[in-house]
Amino acid sequence: MTVESPENEHFVRLVQALTPWLNQIVIIGGWAHRLYRLHPLSQRLEFPPLASLDTDVAVPEKLPVLEQDLQTRLKESGFKEEFLGEHRPPATHYRLGEDAGGFYAEFLTPLIGGADNRGKATATISVAGVTSQKLRYVDVLLHAPWNVTLIDSAGFPVKQPVTVQIPSGASYLAQKLLIHDKRSSKERTKDAIYIHDTIQTFGRSLAQLQDEWTEHVKPILAAKAVTKVMNSAHGLFGEVTDTIRDASIEAGSTGRNVPPDELRSVCYTGLKEIFS
């Protein structure tokens, strides 16, 4: 039986607040990476996933408000708004109480078209009462998601099983590749580990991820984006780079030794198989 962690408890509180919309929103980012281990296609790994204090939640631009809006449900569950930047509405983190070790949620919505609307910035938008950042390629993560079920025996303190949506493995990897050149060096380092570990998680099921790419992801991308994804194995993992070396060091934080060339090789081989 898996031991419950404080992070899992905080995540369950967030999921409970999101309950009315769980069939319309998708858990992305680091928490999607953790939840992949609950998916039937995953294989058991001997090392823990990277820890993450934040939960990124992909939401469509139009999310219906039911008896309560999302902001109200978050506040009732102990989340407080933390405003960032100068956008209107301001970018917002929804942070759990002071005893939650910094855990917070952030909402992301697809940016379609240009980033400006008649000279007015459109970096954020109000969705069901919360502020969501508009980012490119979030639509890839919302399209044809997978389901995983949170259960108590897996370390999630729920009274009844709860199903949440996460991106398909192919969507997750493709989006990481598409945004690579827009990320900071620190973010690129973490993304390299996420790519490596996701490929290992589904190491016996890469053919299924290739099917997901062919049937669901590739058809919704522009030709230029398809080419970028398909060339990323060679472009990003064709040789050992500083990003890969840093990722190798960072991977040590989970108690394992992944030499740079091994990390590079796993990513290169896996991406070539999935995105061929």
C-alpha atoms as a PDB file:
ATOM      1  CA  MET A   1       0.000   0.000   0.000  1.00  0.00           C
ATOM      2  CA  THR A   2       1.349   3.438  -0.977  1.00  0.00           C
ATOM      3  CA  VAL A   3       1.898   5.871   1.882  1.00  0.00           C
ATOM      4  CA  GLU A   4      -0.043   9.109   1.613  1.00  0.00           C
ATOM      5  CA  SER A   5       2.097  12.252   1.230  1.00  0.00           C
ATOM      6  CA  PRO A   6       1.204  15.844   2.177  1.00  0.00           C
ATOM      7  CA  GLU A   7       1.428  16.744  -1.523  1.00  0.00           C
ATOM      8  CA  ASN A   8      -1.174  14.120  -2.382  1.00  0.00           C
ATOM      9  CA  GLU A   9      -3.459  15.437   0.356  1.00  0.00           C
ATOM     10  CA  HIS A  10      -3.141  18.985  -1.016  1.00  0.00           C
ATOM     11  CA  PHE A  11      -3.790  17.750  -4.541  1.00  0.00           C
ATOM     12  CA  VAL A  12      -6.943  15.928  -3.422  1.00  0.00           C
ATOM     13  CA  ARG A  13      -8.229  19.156  -1.839  1.00  0.00           C
ATOM     14  CA  LEU A  14      -7.743  20.883  -5.178  1.00  0.00           C
ATOM     15  CA  VAL A  15      -9.475  18.080  -7.060  1.00  0.00           C
ATOM     16  CA  GLN A  16     -12.422  18.242  -4.669  1.00  0.00           C
ATOM     17  CA  ALA A  17     -12.765  21.965  -5.391  1.00  0.00           C
ATOM     18  CA  LEU A  18     -12.672  21.246  -9.134  1.00  0.00           C
ATOM     19  CA  THR A  19     -15.209  18.406  -8.945  1.00  0.00           C
ATOM     20  CA  PRO A  20     -18.017  19.997 -11.023  1.00  0.00           C
ATOM     21  CA  TRP A  21     -15.615  20.470 -13.958  1.00  0.00           C
ATOM     22  CA  LEU A  22     -13.442  17.343 -13.829  1.00  0.00           C
ATOM     23  CA  ASN A  23     -14.795  16.065 -17.158  1.00  0.00           C
ATOM     24  CA  GLN A  24     -13.887  19.346 -18.895  1.00  0.00           C
ATOM     25  CA  ILE A  25     -10.493  20.284 -17.442  1.00  0.00           C
ATOM     26  CA  VAL A  26      -7.130  18.522 -17.710  1.00  0.00           C
ATOM     27  CA  ILE A  27      -4.375  18.260 -15.092  1.00  0.00           C
ATOM     28  CA  ILE A  28      -1.116  19.095 -16.873  1.00  0.00           C
ATOM     29  CA  GLY A  29       2.512  19.882 -15.989  1.00  0.00           C
ATOM     30  CA  GLY A  30       4.341  18.119 -13.188  1.00  0.00           C
ATOM     31  CA  TRP A  31       1.235  16.593 -11.671  1.00  0.00           C
ATOM     32  CA  ALA A  32       0.248  14.978 -14.962  1.00  0.00           C
ATOM     33  CA  HIS A  33       3.719  13.484 -14.989  1.00  0.00           C
ATOM     34  CA  ARG A  34       3.163  12.037 -11.514  1.00  0.00           C
ATOM     35  CA  LEU A  35      -0.298  10.735 -12.363  1.00  0.00           C
ATOM     36  CA  TYR A  36       0.980   8.831 -15.401  1.00  0.00           C
ATOM     37  CA  ARG A  37       2.087   6.142 -12.964  1.00  0.00           C
ATOM     38  CA  LEU A  38      -1.587   5.366 -12.336  1.00  0.00           C
ATOM     39  CA  HIS A  39      -2.328   4.781 -16.027  1.00  0.00           C
ATOM     40  CA  PRO A  40      -2.795   1.187 -17.261  1.00  0.00           C
ATOM     41  CA  LEU A  41      -0.099   1.631 -19.937  1.00  0.00           C
ATOM     42  CA  SER A  42       2.553   2.619 -17.390  1.00  0.00           C
ATOM     43  CA  GLN A  43       5.212   0.322 -16.024  1.00  0.00           C
ATOM     44  CA  ARG A  44       6.595   0.324 -12.497  1.00  0.00           C
ATOM     45  CA  LEU A  45       9.629   2.537 -11.949  1.00  0.00           C
ATOM     46  CA  GLU A  46      12.002   2.230  -9.009  1.00  0.00           C
ATOM     47  CA  PHE A  47      12.451   5.976  -8.486  1.00  0.00           C
ATOM     48  CA  PRO A  48       9.970   8.656  -7.394  1.00  0.00           C
ATOM     49  CA  PRO A  49       8.724  11.332  -9.813  1.00  0.00           C
ATOM     50  CA  LEU A  50       9.994  14.884  -9.546  1.00  0.00           C
ATOM     51  CA  ALA A  51       8.265  16.826  -6.797  1.00  0.00           C
ATOM     52  CA  SER A  52       6.100  19.796  -7.763  1.00  0.00           C
ATOM     53  CA  LEU A  53       4.565  22.453  -5.510  1.00  0.00           C
ATOM     54  CA  ASP A  54       2.261  23.747  -8.232  1.00  0.00           C
ATOM     55  CA  THR A  55      -0.583  22.128 -10.124  1.00  0.00           C
ATOM     56  CA  ASP A  56      -1.183  23.395 -13.641  1.00  0.00           C
ATOM     57  CA  VAL A  57      -4.785  22.996 -14.784  1.00  0.00           C
ATOM     58  CA  ALA A  58      -5.748  23.384 -18.449  1.00  0.00           C
ATOM     59  CA  VAL A  59      -9.221  24.853 -18.871  1.00  0.00           C
ATOM     60  CA  PRO A  60     -11.198  25.694 -22.019  1.00  0.00           C
ATOM     61  CA  GLU A  61     -11.979  29.360 -22.579  1.00  0.00           C
ATOM     62  CA  LYS A  62     -15.674  28.775 -21.932  1.00  0.00           C
ATOM     63  CA  LEU A  63     -16.301  26.821 -18.747  1.00  0.00           C
ATOM     64  CA  PRO A  64     -19.886  26.812 -17.444  1.00  0.00           C
ATOM     65  CA  VAL A  65     -20.639  28.222 -14.019  1.00  0.00           C
ATOM     66  CA  LEU A  66     -22.998  26.002 -12.086  1.00  0.00           C
ATOM     67  CA  GLU A  67     -24.296  26.737  -8.575  1.00  0.00           C
ATOM     68  CA  GLN A  68     -20.915  28.207  -7.618  1.00  0.00           C
ATOM     69  CA  ASP A  69     -18.082  29.517  -9.728  1.00  0.00           C
ATOM     70  CA  LEU A  70     -14.589  28.081  -9.561  1.00  0.00           C
ATOM     71  CA  GLN A  71     -13.203  30.975  -7.544  1.00  0.00           C
ATOM     72  CA  THR A  72     -15.795  30.451  -4.801  1.00  0.00           C
ATOM     73  CA  ARG A  73     -15.138  26.718  -4.586  1.00  0.00           C
ATOM     74  CA  LEU A  74     -11.387  27.300  -4.313  1.00  0.00           C
ATOM     75  CA  LYS A  75     -11.828  29.840  -1.519  1.00  0.00           C
ATOM     76  CA  GLU A  76     -14.113  27.488   0.391  1.00  0.00           C
ATOM     77  CA  SER A  77     -11.413  24.795   0.103  1.00  0.00           C
ATOM     78  CA  GLY A  78      -8.769  27.075   1.639  1.00  0.00           C
ATOM     79  CA  PHE A  79      -7.111  28.516  -1.474  1.00  0.00           C
ATOM     80  CA  LYS A  80      -6.135  32.190  -1.503  1.00  0.00           C
ATOM     81  CA  GLU A  81      -5.434  34.385  -4.516  1.00  0.00           C
ATOM     82  CA  GLU A  82      -1.892  35.616  -5.094  1.00  0.00           C
ATOM     83  CA  PHE A  83      -1.686  38.234  -7.846  1.00  0.00           C
ATOM     84  CA  LEU A  84       1.339  38.479 -10.145  1.00  0.00           C
ATOM     85  CA  GLY A  85       2.390  40.859 -12.908  1.00  0.00           C
ATOM     86  CA  GLU A  86       0.610  43.783 -14.519  1.00  0.00           C
ATOM     87  CA  HIS A  87      -1.869  42.053 -16.830  1.00  0.00           C
ATOM     88  CA  ARG A  88      -5.581  42.679 -16.483  1.00  0.00           C
ATOM     89  CA  PRO A  89      -6.845  40.494 -14.995  1.00  0.00           C
ATOM     90  CA  PRO A  90      -3.509  39.830 -13.252  1.00  0.00           C
ATOM     91  CA  ALA A  91      -1.906  36.406 -13.467  1.00  0.00           C
ATOM     92  CA  THR A  92      -2.954  34.543 -10.346  1.00  0.00           C
ATOM     93  CA  HIS A  93      -1.725  31.669  -8.229  1.00  0.00           C
ATOM     94  CA  TYR A  94      -4.322  29.991  -6.042  1.00  0.00           C
ATOM     95  CA  ARG A  95      -2.285  29.065  -2.986  1.00  0.00           C
ATOM     96  CA  LEU A  96      -3.369  26.671  -0.264  1.00  0.00           C
ATOM     97  CA  GLY A  97      -3.121  27.825   3.362  1.00  0.00           C
ATOM     98  CA  GLU A  98       0.191  28.526   5.072  1.00  0.00           C
ATOM     99  CA  ASP A  99       0.427  24.955   6.376  1.00  0.00           C
ATOM    100  CA  ALA A 100       0.460  23.519   2.841  1.00  0.00           C
ATOM    101  CA  GLY A 101       4.166  23.997   2.139  1.00  0.00           C
ATOM    102  CA  GLY A 102       3.692  26.357  -0.788  1.00  0.00           C
ATOM    103  CA  PHE A 103       1.226  24.229  -2.773  1.00  0.00           C
ATOM    104  CA  TYR A 104      -0.724  26.257  -5.350  1.00  0.00           C
ATOM    105  CA  ALA A 105      -2.801  25.907  -8.502  1.00  0.00           C
ATOM    106  CA  GLU A 106      -2.482  27.824 -11.743  1.00  0.00           C
ATOM    107  CA  PHE A 107      -4.952  27.819 -14.643  1.00  0.00           C
ATOM    108  CA  LEU A 108      -3.986  27.836 -18.321  1.00  0.00           C
ATOM    109  CA  THR A 109      -6.135  28.383 -21.411  1.00  0.00           C
ATOM    110  CA  PRO A 110      -5.207  27.942 -25.101  1.00  0.00           C
ATOM    111  CA  LEU A 111      -3.866  30.980 -26.906  1.00  0.00           C
ATOM    112  CA  ILE A 112      -5.275  30.786 -30.417  1.00  0.00           C
ATOM    113  CA  GLY A 113      -4.174  33.316 -33.013  1.00  0.00           C
ATOM    114  CA  GLY A 114      -2.115  36.360 -32.077  1.00  0.00           C
ATOM    115  CA  ALA A 115      -1.133  37.362 -28.567  1.00  0.00           C
ATOM    116  CA  ASP A 116      -2.656  40.814 -29.022  1.00  0.00           C
ATOM    117  CA  ASN A 117      -6.175  41.934 -29.844  1.00  0.00           C
ATOM    118  CA  ARG A 118      -6.221  45.383 -31.477  1.00  0.00           C
ATOM    119  CA  GLY A 119      -3.207  46.392 -29.441  1.00  0.00           C
ATOM    120  CA  LYS A 120      -4.656  45.112 -26.158  1.00  0.00           C
ATOM    121  CA  ALA A 121      -2.717  42.356 -24.402  1.00  0.00           C
ATOM    122  CA  THR A 122      -4.607  39.076 -24.098  1.00  0.00           C
ATOM    123  CA  ALA A 123      -2.189  37.203 -21.849  1.00  0.00           C
ATOM    124  CA  THR A 124      -4.882  36.431 -19.253  1.00  0.00           C
ATOM    125  CA  ILE A 125      -8.601  35.770 -19.247  1.00  0.00           C
ATOM    126  CA  SER A 126     -11.326  35.229 -16.651  1.00  0.00           C
ATOM    127  CA  VAL A 127     -12.769  31.704 -16.791  1.00  0.00           C
ATOM    128  CA  ALA A 128     -15.563  30.658 -14.409  1.00  0.00           C
ATOM    129  CA  GLY A 129     -14.391  33.267 -11.901  1.00  0.00           C
ATOM    130  CA  VAL A 130     -10.656  32.456 -11.921  1.00  0.00           C
ATOM    131  CA  THR A 131      -7.842  34.077 -13.850  1.00  0.00           C
ATOM    132  CA  SER A 132      -6.277  31.844 -16.479  1.00  0.00           C
ATOM    133  CA  GLN A 133      -3.106  32.536 -18.457  1.00  0.00           C
ATOM    134  CA  LYS A 134      -3.387  32.141 -22.225  1.00  0.00           C
ATOM    135  CA  LEU A 135      -0.521  30.081 -23.598  1.00  0.00           C
ATOM    136  CA  ARG A 136       0.279  28.546 -26.962  1.00  0.00           C
ATOM    137  CA  TYR A 137      -0.340  24.803 -27.450  1.00  0.00           C
ATOM    138  CA  VAL A 138      -2.466  24.294 -24.331  1.00  0.00           C
ATOM    139  CA  ASP A 139      -5.133  23.120 -26.815  1.00  0.00           C
ATOM    140  CA  VAL A 140      -2.909  20.110 -27.566  1.00  0.00           C
ATOM    141  CA  LEU A 141      -3.150  19.070 -23.911  1.00  0.00           C
ATOM    142  CA  LEU A 142      -6.931  19.488 -23.783  1.00  0.00           C
ATOM    143  CA  HIS A 143      -7.547  17.372 -26.886  1.00  0.00           C
ATOM    144  CA  ALA A 144      -8.396  13.655 -26.441  1.00  0.00           C
ATOM    145  CA  PRO A 145      -7.136  13.382 -22.831  1.00  0.00           C
ATOM    146  CA  TRP A 146      -6.653  10.184 -20.854  1.00  0.00           C
ATOM    147  CA  ASN A 147      -8.375   9.275 -17.593  1.00  0.00           C
ATOM    148  CA  VAL A 148      -6.727   8.084 -14.390  1.00  0.00           C
ATOM    149  CA  THR A 149      -8.423   7.245 -11.112  1.00  0.00           C
ATOM    150  CA  LEU A 150      -7.285   8.452  -7.700  1.00  0.00           C
ATOM    151  CA  ILE A 151      -7.738   5.781  -5.043  1.00  0.00           C
ATOM    152  CA  ASP A 152      -6.774   5.582  -1.396  1.00  0.00           C
ATOM    153  CA  SER A 153      -4.552   2.533  -1.871  1.00  0.00           C
ATOM    154  CA  ALA A 154      -2.412   4.560  -4.301  1.00  0.00           C
ATOM    155  CA  GLY A 155      -1.765   7.189  -1.648  1.00  0.00           C
ATOM    156  CA  PHE A 156      -4.581   9.624  -2.402  1.00  0.00           C
ATOM    157  CA  PRO A 157      -6.875  10.209   0.613  1.00  0.00           C
ATOM    158  CA  VAL A 158     -10.243   9.941  -1.132  1.00  0.00           C
ATOM    159  CA  LYS A 159     -13.322   8.221   0.310  1.00  0.00           C
ATOM    160  CA  GLN A 160     -14.423   7.077  -3.136  1.00  0.00           C
ATOM    161  CA  PRO A 161     -12.369   6.708  -6.350  1.00  0.00           C
ATOM    162  CA  VAL A 162     -12.126   9.973  -8.288  1.00  0.00           C
ATOM    163  CA  THR A 163     -11.385  10.116 -12.018  1.00  0.00           C
ATOM    164  CA  VAL A 164      -9.375  13.030 -13.409  1.00  0.00           C
ATOM    165  CA  GLN A 165      -8.208  13.859 -16.907  1.00  0.00           C
ATOM    166  CA  ILE A 166      -4.549  14.133 -17.921  1.00  0.00           C
ATOM    167  CA  PRO A 167      -2.989  14.650 -21.371  1.00  0.00           C
ATOM    168  CA  SER A 168      -2.214  11.581 -23.420  1.00  0.00           C
ATOM    169  CA  GLY A 169       1.464  10.672 -23.293  1.00  0.00           C
ATOM    170  CA  ALA A 170       1.875  11.774 -26.914  1.00  0.00           C
ATOM    171  CA  SER A 171       0.158  15.130 -26.265  1.00  0.00           C
ATOM    172  CA  TYR A 172       2.311  15.750 -23.199  1.00  0.00           C
ATOM    173  CA  LEU A 173       5.563  15.055 -25.011  1.00  0.00           C
ATOM    174  CA  ALA A 174       4.580  16.939 -28.164  1.00  0.00           C
ATOM    175  CA  GLN A 175       3.675  20.047 -26.185  1.00  0.00           C
ATOM    176  CA  LYS A 176       6.994  19.942 -24.319  1.00  0.00           C
ATOM    177  CA  LEU A 177       8.819  19.824 -27.662  1.00  0.00           C
ATOM    178  CA  LEU A 178       6.752  22.631 -29.191  1.00  0.00           C
ATOM    179  CA  ILE A 179       7.383  25.096 -26.339  1.00  0.00           C
ATOM    180  CA  HIS A 180      11.043  24.177 -25.784  1.00  0.00           C
ATOM    181  CA  ASP A 181      12.517  27.300 -27.357  1.00  0.00           C
ATOM    182  CA  LYS A 182      10.250  29.559 -25.267  1.00  0.00           C
ATOM    183  CA  ARG A 183      11.383  28.090 -21.942  1.00  0.00           C
ATOM    184  CA  SER A 184      14.082  29.323 -19.564  1.00  0.00           C
ATOM    185  CA  SER A 185      17.230  27.237 -19.133  1.00  0.00           C
ATOM    186  CA  LYS A 186      15.954  25.977 -15.758  1.00  0.00           C
ATOM    187  CA  GLU A 187      12.624  24.985 -17.302  1.00  0.00           C
ATOM    188  CA  ARG A 188      14.380  23.229 -20.194  1.00  0.00           C
ATOM    189  CA  THR A 189      16.398  21.209 -17.709  1.00  0.00           C
ATOM    190  CA  LYS A 190      13.276  20.022 -15.887  1.00  0.00           C
ATOM    191  CA  ASP A 191      11.483  19.351 -19.178  1.00  0.00           C
ATOM    192  CA  ALA A 192      14.339  17.105 -20.302  1.00  0.00           C
ATOM    193  CA  ILE A 193      13.810  15.003 -17.174  1.00  0.00           C
ATOM    194  CA  TYR A 194      10.053  14.947 -17.727  1.00  0.00           C
ATOM    195  CA  ILE A 195      10.588  13.749 -21.302  1.00  0.00           C
ATOM    196  CA  HIS A 196      13.076  11.087 -20.215  1.00  0.00           C
ATOM    197  CA  ASP A 197      10.882   9.828 -17.362  1.00  0.00           C
ATOM    198  CA  THR A 198       7.687   9.822 -19.434  1.00  0.00           C
ATOM    199  CA  ILE A 199       9.377   7.692 -22.066  1.00  0.00           C
ATOM    200  CA  GLN A 200      10.532   5.316 -19.347  1.00  0.00           C
ATOM    201  CA  THR A 201       7.077   5.242 -17.749  1.00  0.00           C
ATOM    202  CA  PHE A 202       5.553   4.077 -21.044  1.00  0.00           C
ATOM    203  CA  GLY A 203       8.616   2.192 -22.250  1.00  0.00           C
ATOM    204  CA  ARG A 204       6.607  -0.941 -23.065  1.00  0.00           C
ATOM    205  CA  SER A 205       3.807   1.004 -24.730  1.00  0.00           C
ATOM    206  CA  LEU A 206       5.539   3.412 -27.109  1.00  0.00           C
ATOM    207  CA  ALA A 207       3.580   1.939 -30.031  1.00  0.00           C
ATOM    208  CA  GLN A 208       0.367   3.061 -28.326  1.00  0.00           C
ATOM    209  CA  LEU A 209       1.806   6.550 -27.883  1.00  0.00           C
ATOM    210  CA  GLN A 210       2.680   6.571 -31.569  1.00  0.00           C
ATOM    211  CA  ASP A 211      -0.954   5.711 -32.337  1.00  0.00           C
ATOM    212  CA  GLU A 212      -2.086   8.617 -30.124  1.00  0.00           C
ATOM    213  CA  TRP A 213       0.230  10.938 -32.036  1.00  0.00           C
ATOM    214  CA  THR A 214      -1.005   9.756 -35.422  1.00  0.00           C
ATOM    215  CA  GLU A 215      -4.724   9.684 -34.604  1.00  0.00           C
ATOM    216  CA  HIS A 216      -5.220  12.580 -32.193  1.00  0.00           C
ATOM    217  CA  VAL A 217      -2.288  15.004 -31.973  1.00  0.00           C
ATOM    218  CA  LYS A 218      -0.785  15.285 -35.442  1.00  0.00           C
ATOM    219  CA  PRO A 219      -4.133  16.088 -37.165  1.00  0.00           C
ATOM    220  CA  ILE A 220      -4.762  19.190 -35.014  1.00  0.00           C
ATOM    221  CA  LEU A 221      -1.307  20.730 -35.550  1.00  0.00           C
ATOM    222  CA  ALA A 222      -0.172  23.019 -38.338  1.00  0.00           C
ATOM    223  CA  ALA A 223       2.331  21.483 -40.752  1.00  0.00           C
ATOM    224  CA  LYS A 224       5.163  23.598 -39.318  1.00  0.00           C
ATOM    225  CA  ALA A 225       4.432  22.366 -35.792  1.00  0.00           C
ATOM    226  CA  VAL A 226       4.297  18.734 -36.968  1.00  0.00           C
ATOM    227  CA  THR A 227       7.712  19.134 -38.568  1.00  0.00           C
ATOM    228  CA  LYS A 228       9.104  20.701 -35.382  1.00  0.00           C
ATOM    229  CA  VAL A 229       7.907  17.790 -33.255  1.00  0.00           C
ATOM    230  CA  MET A 230       9.193  15.154 -35.665  1.00  0.00           C
ATOM    231  CA  ASN A 231      12.624  16.815 -35.874  1.00  0.00           C
ATOM    232  CA  SER A 232      12.994  17.339 -32.126  1.00  0.00           C
ATOM    233  CA  ALA A 233      14.659  14.013 -31.355  1.00  0.00           C
ATOM    234  CA  HIS A 234      17.647  14.965 -33.473  1.00  0.00           C
ATOM    235  CA  GLY A 235      17.505  18.690 -32.750  1.00  0.00           C
ATOM    236  CA  LEU A 236      17.293  18.442 -28.965  1.00  0.00           C
ATOM    237  CA  PHE A 237      18.789  15.037 -28.190  1.00  0.00           C
ATOM    238  CA  GLY A 238      21.111  14.327 -31.095  1.00  0.00           C
ATOM    239  CA  GLU A 239      24.102  15.119 -28.911  1.00  0.00           C
ATOM    240  CA  VAL A 240      24.851  15.820 -25.256  1.00  0.00           C
ATOM    241  CA  THR A 241      24.188  19.483 -24.478  1.00  0.00           C
ATOM    242  CA  ASP A 242      24.430  21.639 -21.366  1.00  0.00           C
ATOM    243  CA  THR A 243      20.683  21.156 -20.847  1.00  0.00           C
ATOM    244  CA  ILE A 244      21.132  17.389 -20.841  1.00  0.00           C
ATOM    245  CA  ARG A 245      24.102  17.605 -18.482  1.00  0.00           C
ATOM    246  CA  ASP A 246      22.088  19.794 -16.099  1.00  0.00           C
ATOM    247  CA  ALA A 247      19.149  17.384 -16.348  1.00  0.00           C
ATOM    248  CA  SER A 248      21.437  14.508 -15.430  1.00  0.00           C
ATOM    249  CA  ILE A 249      22.498  16.372 -12.284  1.00  0.00           C
ATOM    250  CA  GLU A 250      18.906  17.340 -11.448  1.00  0.00           C
ATOM    251  CA  ALA A 251      17.767  13.733 -11.815  1.00  0.00           C
ATOM    252  CA  GLY A 252      20.052  12.921  -8.915  1.00  0.00           C
ATOM    253  CA  SER A 253      17.585  14.740  -6.643  1.00  0.00           C
ATOM    254  CA  THR A 254      15.324  11.681  -6.940  1.00  0.00           C
ATOM    255  CA  GLY A 255      18.134   9.392  -5.753  1.00  0.00           C
ATOM    256  CA  ARG A 256      19.254   7.940  -9.065  1.00  0.00           C
ATOM    257  CA  ASN A 257      22.208   8.143 -11.375  1.00  0.00           C
ATOM    258  CA  VAL A 258      21.384   8.933 -15.018  1.00  0.00           C
ATOM    259  CA  PRO A 259      24.563   9.709 -16.992  1.00  0.00           C
ATOM    260  CA  PRO A 260      24.093  12.448 -19.612  1.00  0.00           C
ATOM    261  CA  ASP A 261      24.565  10.131 -22.592  1.00  0.00           C
ATOM    262  CA  GLU A 262      22.049   7.641 -21.175  1.00  0.00           C
ATOM    263  CA  LEU A 263      19.487  10.400 -20.705  1.00  0.00           C
ATOM    264  CA  ARG A 264      20.145  11.636 -24.237  1.00  0.00           C
ATOM    265  CA  SER A 265      19.877   8.148 -25.710  1.00  0.00           C
ATOM    266  CA  VAL A 266      16.570   7.323 -23.977  1.00  0.00           C
ATOM    267  CA  CYS A 267      14.999  10.595 -25.147  1.00  0.00           C
ATOM    268  CA  TYR A 268      16.341  10.315 -28.688  1.00  0.00           C
ATOM    269  CA  THR A 269      15.260   6.703 -29.185  1.00  0.00           C
ATOM    270  CA  GLY A 270      11.846   7.157 -27.557  1.00  0.00           C
ATOM    271  CA  LEU A 271      10.970  10.341 -29.426  1.00  0.00           C
ATOM    272  CA  LYS A 272      12.022   8.827 -32.758  1.00  0.00           C
ATOM    273  CA  GLU A 273       9.740   5.841 -32.127  1.00  0.00           C
ATOM    274  CA  ILE A 274       6.720   7.895 -31.026  1.00  0.00           C
ATOM    275  CA  PHE A 275       6.942  10.730 -33.542  1.00  0.00           C
ATOM    276  CA  SER A 276       7.965   8.850 -36.669  1.00  0.00           C
END
